[in-house]
């Protein structure tokens, strides 16, 4: 059973269908390759960054944004809105599972910035860069730095 935390208001986000935010800790951990939530603390991962965007198989919704911890996801409205707008951008600019497309990530960032979420997106990218450093993940650091450079131009 799907536990819907929040339904997005389609006109606000320019959606042609219904979208909802759901919390699913186990699915998020599994998809990010984590077996246990203790890794989040060990690697200094801000769980708000652990979001996924899916086309829905549920007839009531067209899309889902899956978050690790909805309560924590809502702590900072700027971060929350920047993530939502970025994820909504994946309707137009999808990125397949286990694939990397920096250009599509940048295009989704652009949608967030154009929707008034530049400051929130800066926070998200700073958190992402901190996580990349903690994980010593050169690819994530490089991608995040490219994204940060591009939003400076917006």
N, C-alpha and C. Protein backbone atom coordinates (compact mmCIF):
# COMPACT_ATOMS: atom_id res chain seq x y z
N UNK A 1 0.83 -1.18 0.00
CA UNK A 1 0.00 0.00 0.00
C UNK A 1 0.88 1.25 0.00
N UNK A 2 0.52 2.19 -0.82
CA UNK A 2 1.28 3.43 -0.93
C UNK A 2 0.80 4.41 0.14
N UNK A 3 1.74 4.97 0.87
CA UNK A 3 1.41 5.97 1.87
C UNK A 3 1.80 7.34 1.30
N UNK A 4 0.81 8.08 0.87
CA UNK A 4 1.05 9.39 0.28
C UNK A 4 1.24 10.42 1.38
N UNK A 5 2.38 11.10 1.34
CA UNK A 5 2.68 12.14 2.32
C UNK A 5 2.12 13.49 1.89
N UNK A 6 2.16 13.72 0.59
CA UNK A 6 1.72 15.02 0.07
C UNK A 6 1.40 14.87 -1.41
N UNK A 7 0.30 15.48 -1.83
CA UNK A 7 0.00 15.56 -3.25
C UNK A 7 0.45 16.93 -3.75
N UNK A 8 1.09 16.94 -4.90
CA UNK A 8 1.51 18.21 -5.49
C UNK A 8 0.34 18.83 -6.24
N UNK A 9 0.23 20.14 -6.16
CA UNK A 9 -0.83 20.86 -6.85
C UNK A 9 -0.40 21.06 -8.31
N UNK A 10 -1.03 20.33 -9.25
CA UNK A 10 -0.55 20.34 -10.64
C UNK A 10 -0.35 21.73 -11.26
N UNK A 11 -1.27 22.69 -11.10
CA UNK A 11 -1.03 23.99 -11.73
C UNK A 11 0.23 24.70 -11.19
N UNK A 12 0.50 24.53 -9.91
CA UNK A 12 1.67 25.19 -9.32
C UNK A 12 2.97 24.70 -9.96
N UNK A 13 3.03 23.40 -10.25
CA UNK A 13 4.25 22.80 -10.78
C UNK A 13 4.19 22.57 -12.29
N UNK A 14 3.16 23.08 -12.94
CA UNK A 14 3.05 22.95 -14.39
C UNK A 14 2.85 21.51 -14.84
N UNK A 15 2.20 20.73 -14.01
CA UNK A 15 2.01 19.31 -14.31
C UNK A 15 0.73 19.07 -15.09
N UNK A 16 0.79 18.14 -16.01
CA UNK A 16 -0.39 17.76 -16.77
C UNK A 16 -1.12 16.58 -16.13
N UNK A 17 -0.61 16.11 -15.01
CA UNK A 17 -1.22 14.99 -14.30
C UNK A 17 -0.98 15.14 -12.81
N UNK A 18 -1.27 14.06 -12.09
CA UNK A 18 -1.15 14.09 -10.63
C UNK A 18 0.19 13.51 -10.19
N UNK A 19 0.77 14.17 -9.20
CA UNK A 19 2.03 13.71 -8.61
C UNK A 19 1.91 13.75 -7.10
N UNK A 20 2.63 12.86 -6.46
CA UNK A 20 2.61 12.79 -5.00
C UNK A 20 4.01 12.50 -4.49
N UNK A 21 4.22 12.93 -3.25
CA UNK A 21 5.45 12.60 -2.55
C UNK A 21 5.12 11.45 -1.60
N UNK A 22 5.93 10.41 -1.66
CA UNK A 22 5.76 9.26 -0.78
C UNK A 22 7.08 9.01 -0.05
N UNK A 23 6.97 8.43 1.12
CA UNK A 23 8.15 8.06 1.91
C UNK A 23 8.31 6.54 1.83
N UNK A 24 9.52 6.11 1.50
CA UNK A 24 9.79 4.68 1.45
C UNK A 24 11.28 4.47 1.73
N UNK A 25 11.60 4.33 3.00
CA UNK A 25 13.00 4.25 3.43
C UNK A 25 13.72 3.06 2.83
N UNK A 26 13.12 1.90 2.83
CA UNK A 26 13.80 0.71 2.34
C UNK A 26 14.08 0.78 0.84
N UNK A 27 13.13 1.25 0.06
CA UNK A 27 13.35 1.38 -1.38
C UNK A 27 14.46 2.38 -1.67
N UNK A 28 14.45 3.49 -0.96
CA UNK A 28 15.48 4.51 -1.17
C UNK A 28 16.85 3.95 -0.81
N UNK A 29 16.96 3.31 0.35
CA UNK A 29 18.25 2.74 0.75
C UNK A 29 18.74 1.73 -0.29
N UNK A 30 17.85 0.87 -0.72
CA UNK A 30 18.21 -0.16 -1.70
C UNK A 30 18.68 0.47 -3.01
N UNK A 31 17.94 1.45 -3.50
CA UNK A 31 18.30 2.07 -4.78
C UNK A 31 19.57 2.89 -4.72
N UNK A 32 19.94 3.35 -3.54
CA UNK A 32 21.19 4.09 -3.39
C UNK A 32 22.33 3.17 -2.92
N UNK A 33 22.06 1.87 -2.88
CA UNK A 33 23.10 0.91 -2.54
C UNK A 33 23.48 0.87 -1.08
N UNK A 34 22.56 1.24 -0.22
CA UNK A 34 22.82 1.24 1.22
C UNK A 34 22.00 0.14 1.88
N UNK A 35 22.62 -0.65 2.70
CA UNK A 35 21.91 -1.76 3.35
C UNK A 35 21.25 -1.33 4.66
N UNK A 36 21.75 -0.26 5.25
CA UNK A 36 21.33 0.10 6.59
C UNK A 36 21.41 1.62 6.73
N UNK A 37 20.48 2.20 7.50
CA UNK A 37 20.47 3.66 7.68
C UNK A 37 21.67 4.16 8.46
N UNK A 38 22.38 3.29 9.14
CA UNK A 38 23.59 3.72 9.86
C UNK A 38 24.65 4.29 8.91
N UNK A 39 24.62 3.84 7.66
CA UNK A 39 25.57 4.38 6.68
C UNK A 39 25.34 5.86 6.45
N UNK A 40 24.11 6.31 6.61
CA UNK A 40 23.81 7.74 6.42
C UNK A 40 24.60 8.58 7.42
N UNK A 41 24.62 8.14 8.66
CA UNK A 41 25.37 8.86 9.69
C UNK A 41 26.88 8.72 9.48
N UNK A 42 27.31 7.52 9.18
CA UNK A 42 28.74 7.27 9.00
C UNK A 42 29.32 8.12 7.87
N UNK A 43 28.60 8.20 6.77
CA UNK A 43 29.10 8.94 5.61
C UNK A 43 28.58 10.37 5.54
N UNK A 44 27.91 10.82 6.59
CA UNK A 44 27.42 12.19 6.65
C UNK A 44 26.52 12.52 5.45
N UNK A 45 25.57 11.65 5.18
CA UNK A 45 24.64 11.84 4.06
C UNK A 45 23.37 12.49 4.58
N UNK A 46 23.03 13.63 4.03
CA UNK A 46 21.78 14.30 4.37
C UNK A 46 20.67 13.56 3.63
N UNK A 47 19.77 12.94 4.38
CA UNK A 47 18.76 12.08 3.77
C UNK A 47 17.80 12.83 2.85
N UNK A 48 17.75 14.16 2.93
CA UNK A 48 16.89 14.91 2.01
C UNK A 48 17.34 14.77 0.57
N UNK A 49 18.60 14.46 0.38
CA UNK A 49 19.14 14.30 -0.97
C UNK A 49 18.75 12.97 -1.60
N UNK A 50 18.33 12.04 -0.78
CA UNK A 50 18.00 10.71 -1.27
C UNK A 50 16.57 10.68 -1.78
N UNK A 51 16.39 11.21 -2.97
CA UNK A 51 15.07 11.26 -3.58
C UNK A 51 15.12 10.57 -4.93
N UNK A 52 13.98 10.06 -5.35
CA UNK A 52 13.87 9.40 -6.64
C UNK A 52 12.57 9.85 -7.30
N UNK A 53 12.57 9.85 -8.60
CA UNK A 53 11.39 10.25 -9.36
C UNK A 53 10.95 9.07 -10.22
N UNK A 54 9.68 8.70 -10.10
CA UNK A 54 9.16 7.56 -10.84
C UNK A 54 7.86 7.91 -11.55
N UNK A 55 7.69 7.31 -12.71
CA UNK A 55 6.38 7.31 -13.32
C UNK A 55 5.56 6.29 -12.55
N UNK A 56 4.33 6.62 -12.24
CA UNK A 56 3.50 5.79 -11.37
C UNK A 56 2.83 4.65 -12.13
N UNK A 57 2.70 3.53 -11.44
CA UNK A 57 1.89 2.42 -11.93
C UNK A 57 0.52 2.42 -11.25
N UNK A 58 0.36 3.30 -10.26
CA UNK A 58 -0.90 3.46 -9.55
C UNK A 58 -1.81 4.33 -10.41
N UNK A 59 -3.03 3.89 -10.72
CA UNK A 59 -3.91 4.66 -11.60
C UNK A 59 -4.32 6.03 -11.03
N UNK A 60 -4.12 6.25 -9.74
CA UNK A 60 -4.50 7.53 -9.14
C UNK A 60 -3.46 8.62 -9.38
N UNK A 61 -2.25 8.22 -9.74
CA UNK A 61 -1.14 9.19 -9.88
C UNK A 61 -0.37 8.92 -11.16
N UNK A 62 0.20 9.99 -11.69
CA UNK A 62 1.05 9.87 -12.87
C UNK A 62 2.53 9.73 -12.49
N UNK A 63 2.92 10.40 -11.38
CA UNK A 63 4.32 10.39 -10.95
C UNK A 63 4.41 10.35 -9.43
N UNK A 64 5.55 9.85 -8.96
CA UNK A 64 5.87 9.87 -7.55
C UNK A 64 7.27 10.44 -7.36
N UNK A 65 7.42 11.25 -6.33
CA UNK A 65 8.73 11.61 -5.81
C UNK A 65 8.85 10.80 -4.52
N UNK A 66 9.84 9.93 -4.48
CA UNK A 66 10.03 9.06 -3.32
C UNK A 66 11.15 9.66 -2.48
N UNK A 67 10.85 9.87 -1.21
CA UNK A 67 11.84 10.45 -0.28
C UNK A 67 12.14 9.44 0.81
N UNK A 68 13.28 9.63 1.44
CA UNK A 68 13.70 8.72 2.52
C UNK A 68 12.90 9.01 3.80
N UNK A 69 12.85 10.28 4.20
CA UNK A 69 12.20 10.67 5.45
C UNK A 69 11.43 11.96 5.19
N UNK A 70 10.12 11.84 5.06
CA UNK A 70 9.30 13.00 4.69
C UNK A 70 9.41 14.13 5.71
N UNK A 71 9.42 13.81 6.99
CA UNK A 71 9.50 14.85 8.02
C UNK A 71 10.79 15.67 7.85
N UNK A 72 11.91 14.99 7.67
CA UNK A 72 13.18 15.70 7.47
C UNK A 72 13.21 16.41 6.13
N UNK A 73 12.58 15.82 5.13
CA UNK A 73 12.50 16.43 3.79
C UNK A 73 11.84 17.81 3.87
N UNK A 74 10.94 17.99 4.80
CA UNK A 74 10.17 19.24 4.92
C UNK A 74 10.82 20.28 5.84
N UNK A 75 11.95 19.98 6.45
CA UNK A 75 12.57 20.88 7.43
C UNK A 75 12.88 22.26 6.86
N UNK A 76 13.44 22.32 5.66
CA UNK A 76 13.82 23.58 5.03
C UNK A 76 13.02 23.71 3.74
N UNK A 77 12.08 24.65 3.71
CA UNK A 77 11.19 24.77 2.55
C UNK A 77 11.94 25.13 1.27
N UNK A 78 13.05 25.86 1.38
CA UNK A 78 13.83 26.18 0.17
C UNK A 78 14.44 24.93 -0.44
N UNK A 79 15.00 24.09 0.40
CA UNK A 79 15.59 22.84 -0.08
C UNK A 79 14.50 21.93 -0.64
N UNK A 80 13.40 21.82 0.09
CA UNK A 80 12.30 20.98 -0.35
C UNK A 80 11.79 21.40 -1.72
N UNK A 81 11.51 22.68 -1.88
CA UNK A 81 10.97 23.17 -3.15
C UNK A 81 11.97 23.02 -4.29
N UNK A 82 13.24 23.27 -4.02
CA UNK A 82 14.26 23.10 -5.07
C UNK A 82 14.31 21.65 -5.52
N UNK A 83 14.24 20.73 -4.58
CA UNK A 83 14.27 19.30 -4.94
C UNK A 83 13.02 18.93 -5.72
N UNK A 84 11.86 19.39 -5.28
CA UNK A 84 10.62 19.08 -5.99
C UNK A 84 10.70 19.59 -7.43
N UNK A 85 11.07 20.86 -7.60
CA UNK A 85 11.15 21.41 -8.95
C UNK A 85 12.17 20.67 -9.81
N UNK A 86 13.31 20.32 -9.22
CA UNK A 86 14.31 19.56 -9.95
C UNK A 86 13.74 18.21 -10.38
N UNK A 87 13.09 17.52 -9.46
CA UNK A 87 12.53 16.19 -9.76
C UNK A 87 11.42 16.29 -10.81
N UNK A 88 10.58 17.31 -10.73
CA UNK A 88 9.54 17.51 -11.74
C UNK A 88 10.18 17.72 -13.12
N UNK A 89 11.36 18.32 -13.14
CA UNK A 89 12.08 18.50 -14.39
C UNK A 89 12.41 17.19 -15.08
N UNK A 90 12.49 16.11 -14.30
CA UNK A 90 12.80 14.81 -14.89
C UNK A 90 11.66 14.24 -15.73
N UNK A 91 10.48 14.86 -15.68
CA UNK A 91 9.41 14.47 -16.60
C UNK A 91 9.86 14.78 -18.03
N UNK A 92 10.44 15.95 -18.20
CA UNK A 92 10.92 16.39 -19.52
C UNK A 92 12.31 15.87 -19.81
N UNK A 93 13.15 15.80 -18.78
CA UNK A 93 14.55 15.39 -18.95
C UNK A 93 14.85 14.16 -18.09
N UNK A 94 14.40 13.00 -18.52
CA UNK A 94 14.59 11.81 -17.69
C UNK A 94 16.04 11.34 -17.67
N UNK A 95 16.35 10.66 -16.59
CA UNK A 95 17.64 9.99 -16.45
C UNK A 95 17.31 8.57 -16.03
N UNK A 96 17.74 7.61 -16.81
CA UNK A 96 17.43 6.21 -16.53
C UNK A 96 18.12 5.69 -15.29
N UNK A 97 17.58 4.63 -14.78
CA UNK A 97 18.15 3.98 -13.59
C UNK A 97 19.57 3.53 -13.90
N UNK A 98 20.46 3.77 -12.95
CA UNK A 98 21.87 3.40 -13.06
C UNK A 98 22.57 4.06 -14.24
N UNK A 99 22.09 5.24 -14.62
CA UNK A 99 22.77 5.98 -15.68
C UNK A 99 23.06 7.39 -15.19
N UNK A 100 23.98 8.04 -15.87
CA UNK A 100 24.39 9.38 -15.50
C UNK A 100 24.23 10.28 -16.73
N UNK A 101 23.55 11.38 -16.54
CA UNK A 101 23.41 12.36 -17.62
C UNK A 101 23.49 13.75 -16.97
N UNK A 102 24.70 14.28 -16.91
CA UNK A 102 24.91 15.56 -16.27
C UNK A 102 24.10 16.65 -16.95
N UNK A 103 24.01 16.61 -18.26
CA UNK A 103 23.26 17.65 -18.98
C UNK A 103 21.79 17.66 -18.59
N UNK A 104 21.19 16.49 -18.41
CA UNK A 104 19.78 16.46 -17.98
C UNK A 104 19.64 16.94 -16.55
N UNK A 105 20.62 16.62 -15.70
CA UNK A 105 20.58 17.14 -14.33
C UNK A 105 20.66 18.67 -14.34
N UNK A 106 21.50 19.20 -15.19
CA UNK A 106 21.63 20.66 -15.31
C UNK A 106 20.35 21.28 -15.84
N UNK A 107 19.71 20.62 -16.80
CA UNK A 107 18.44 21.12 -17.33
C UNK A 107 17.36 21.13 -16.24
N UNK A 108 17.36 20.10 -15.39
CA UNK A 108 16.41 20.06 -14.28
C UNK A 108 16.73 21.14 -13.26
N UNK A 109 18.02 21.40 -13.03
CA UNK A 109 18.42 22.52 -12.17
C UNK A 109 17.89 23.83 -12.73
N UNK A 110 17.98 23.98 -14.04
CA UNK A 110 17.52 25.21 -14.69
C UNK A 110 16.02 25.41 -14.45
N UNK A 111 15.26 24.33 -14.50
CA UNK A 111 13.82 24.42 -14.23
C UNK A 111 13.59 24.90 -12.80
N UNK A 112 14.36 24.38 -11.86
CA UNK A 112 14.23 24.81 -10.46
C UNK A 112 14.57 26.29 -10.32
N UNK A 113 15.64 26.73 -10.96
CA UNK A 113 16.05 28.13 -10.88
C UNK A 113 14.98 29.03 -11.52
N UNK A 114 14.47 28.64 -12.68
CA UNK A 114 13.43 29.43 -13.34
C UNK A 114 12.13 29.49 -12.55
N UNK A 115 11.98 28.57 -11.62
CA UNK A 115 10.79 28.54 -10.77
C UNK A 115 11.02 29.26 -9.44
N UNK A 116 12.11 30.01 -9.38
CA UNK A 116 12.39 30.80 -8.18
C UNK A 116 13.10 30.06 -7.08
N UNK A 117 13.75 28.96 -7.39
CA UNK A 117 14.37 28.12 -6.36
C UNK A 117 15.89 28.14 -6.40
N UNK A 118 16.48 29.24 -6.87
CA UNK A 118 17.94 29.29 -6.99
C UNK A 118 18.65 29.14 -5.65
N UNK A 119 18.19 29.84 -4.64
CA UNK A 119 18.85 29.74 -3.32
C UNK A 119 18.71 28.35 -2.73
N UNK A 120 17.54 27.76 -2.86
CA UNK A 120 17.34 26.40 -2.37
C UNK A 120 18.21 25.41 -3.13
N UNK A 121 18.34 25.60 -4.45
CA UNK A 121 19.18 24.72 -5.24
C UNK A 121 20.65 24.86 -4.87
N UNK A 122 21.07 26.07 -4.55
CA UNK A 122 22.45 26.26 -4.08
C UNK A 122 22.68 25.43 -2.82
N UNK A 123 21.70 25.47 -1.91
CA UNK A 123 21.82 24.68 -0.67
C UNK A 123 21.90 23.18 -1.00
N UNK A 124 21.05 22.73 -1.91
CA UNK A 124 21.03 21.31 -2.29
C UNK A 124 22.39 20.90 -2.86
N UNK A 125 22.93 21.74 -3.73
CA UNK A 125 24.22 21.40 -4.35
C UNK A 125 25.36 21.46 -3.33
N UNK A 126 25.28 22.37 -2.37
CA UNK A 126 26.29 22.39 -1.30
C UNK A 126 26.21 21.11 -0.46
N UNK A 127 24.99 20.69 -0.13
CA UNK A 127 24.82 19.44 0.61
C UNK A 127 25.33 18.25 -0.20
N UNK A 128 25.07 18.27 -1.50
CA UNK A 128 25.52 17.18 -2.38
C UNK A 128 27.04 17.14 -2.45
N UNK A 129 27.65 18.31 -2.53
CA UNK A 129 29.12 18.37 -2.58
C UNK A 129 29.72 17.87 -1.26
N UNK A 130 29.12 18.24 -0.15
CA UNK A 130 29.58 17.73 1.15
C UNK A 130 29.48 16.21 1.21
N UNK A 131 28.37 15.68 0.70
CA UNK A 131 28.19 14.23 0.68
C UNK A 131 29.24 13.58 -0.22
N UNK A 132 29.47 14.16 -1.39
CA UNK A 132 30.46 13.60 -2.32
C UNK A 132 31.85 13.56 -1.69
N UNK A 133 32.19 14.61 -0.96
CA UNK A 133 33.49 14.65 -0.28
C UNK A 133 33.56 13.58 0.81
N UNK A 134 32.48 13.46 1.57
CA UNK A 134 32.44 12.47 2.63
C UNK A 134 32.59 11.05 2.07
N UNK A 135 31.97 10.83 0.91
CA UNK A 135 32.05 9.52 0.27
C UNK A 135 33.33 9.35 -0.55
N UNK A 136 34.07 10.45 -0.70
CA UNK A 136 35.27 10.46 -1.55
C UNK A 136 34.91 10.00 -2.96
N UNK A 137 33.79 10.52 -3.47
CA UNK A 137 33.28 10.13 -4.78
C UNK A 137 33.64 11.21 -5.80
N UNK A 138 34.70 10.97 -6.54
CA UNK A 138 35.21 11.94 -7.51
C UNK A 138 34.18 12.28 -8.59
N UNK A 139 33.45 11.28 -9.07
CA UNK A 139 32.46 11.52 -10.11
C UNK A 139 31.35 12.44 -9.60
N UNK A 140 30.84 12.17 -8.41
CA UNK A 140 29.79 13.01 -7.85
C UNK A 140 30.31 14.42 -7.57
N UNK A 141 31.55 14.53 -7.11
CA UNK A 141 32.14 15.86 -6.90
C UNK A 141 32.22 16.64 -8.21
N UNK A 142 32.70 15.97 -9.25
CA UNK A 142 32.84 16.62 -10.56
C UNK A 142 31.47 17.06 -11.11
N UNK A 143 30.50 16.16 -11.05
CA UNK A 143 29.15 16.48 -11.54
C UNK A 143 28.55 17.65 -10.76
N UNK A 144 28.70 17.62 -9.46
CA UNK A 144 28.11 18.66 -8.62
C UNK A 144 28.79 20.00 -8.89
N UNK A 145 30.10 20.00 -9.04
CA UNK A 145 30.80 21.25 -9.36
C UNK A 145 30.36 21.80 -10.71
N UNK A 146 30.15 20.94 -11.70
CA UNK A 146 29.63 21.39 -13.00
C UNK A 146 28.26 22.02 -12.84
N UNK A 147 27.42 21.38 -12.05
CA UNK A 147 26.07 21.90 -11.83
C UNK A 147 26.13 23.25 -11.11
N UNK A 148 27.01 23.36 -10.12
CA UNK A 148 27.15 24.64 -9.39
C UNK A 148 27.62 25.75 -10.32
N UNK A 149 28.56 25.46 -11.19
CA UNK A 149 29.06 26.46 -12.14
C UNK A 149 27.94 26.90 -13.08
N UNK A 150 27.14 25.97 -13.53
CA UNK A 150 26.09 26.32 -14.47
C UNK A 150 25.00 27.17 -13.83
N UNK A 151 24.68 26.92 -12.56
CA UNK A 151 23.61 27.74 -11.97
C UNK A 151 24.08 29.15 -11.68
N UNK A 152 25.37 29.35 -11.58
CA UNK A 152 25.88 30.72 -11.40
C UNK A 152 25.52 31.58 -12.60
N UNK A 153 25.44 30.95 -13.77
CA UNK A 153 25.13 31.67 -15.01
C UNK A 153 23.64 32.01 -15.15
N UNK A 154 22.80 31.35 -14.38
CA UNK A 154 21.34 31.59 -14.50
C UNK A 154 20.96 32.90 -13.86
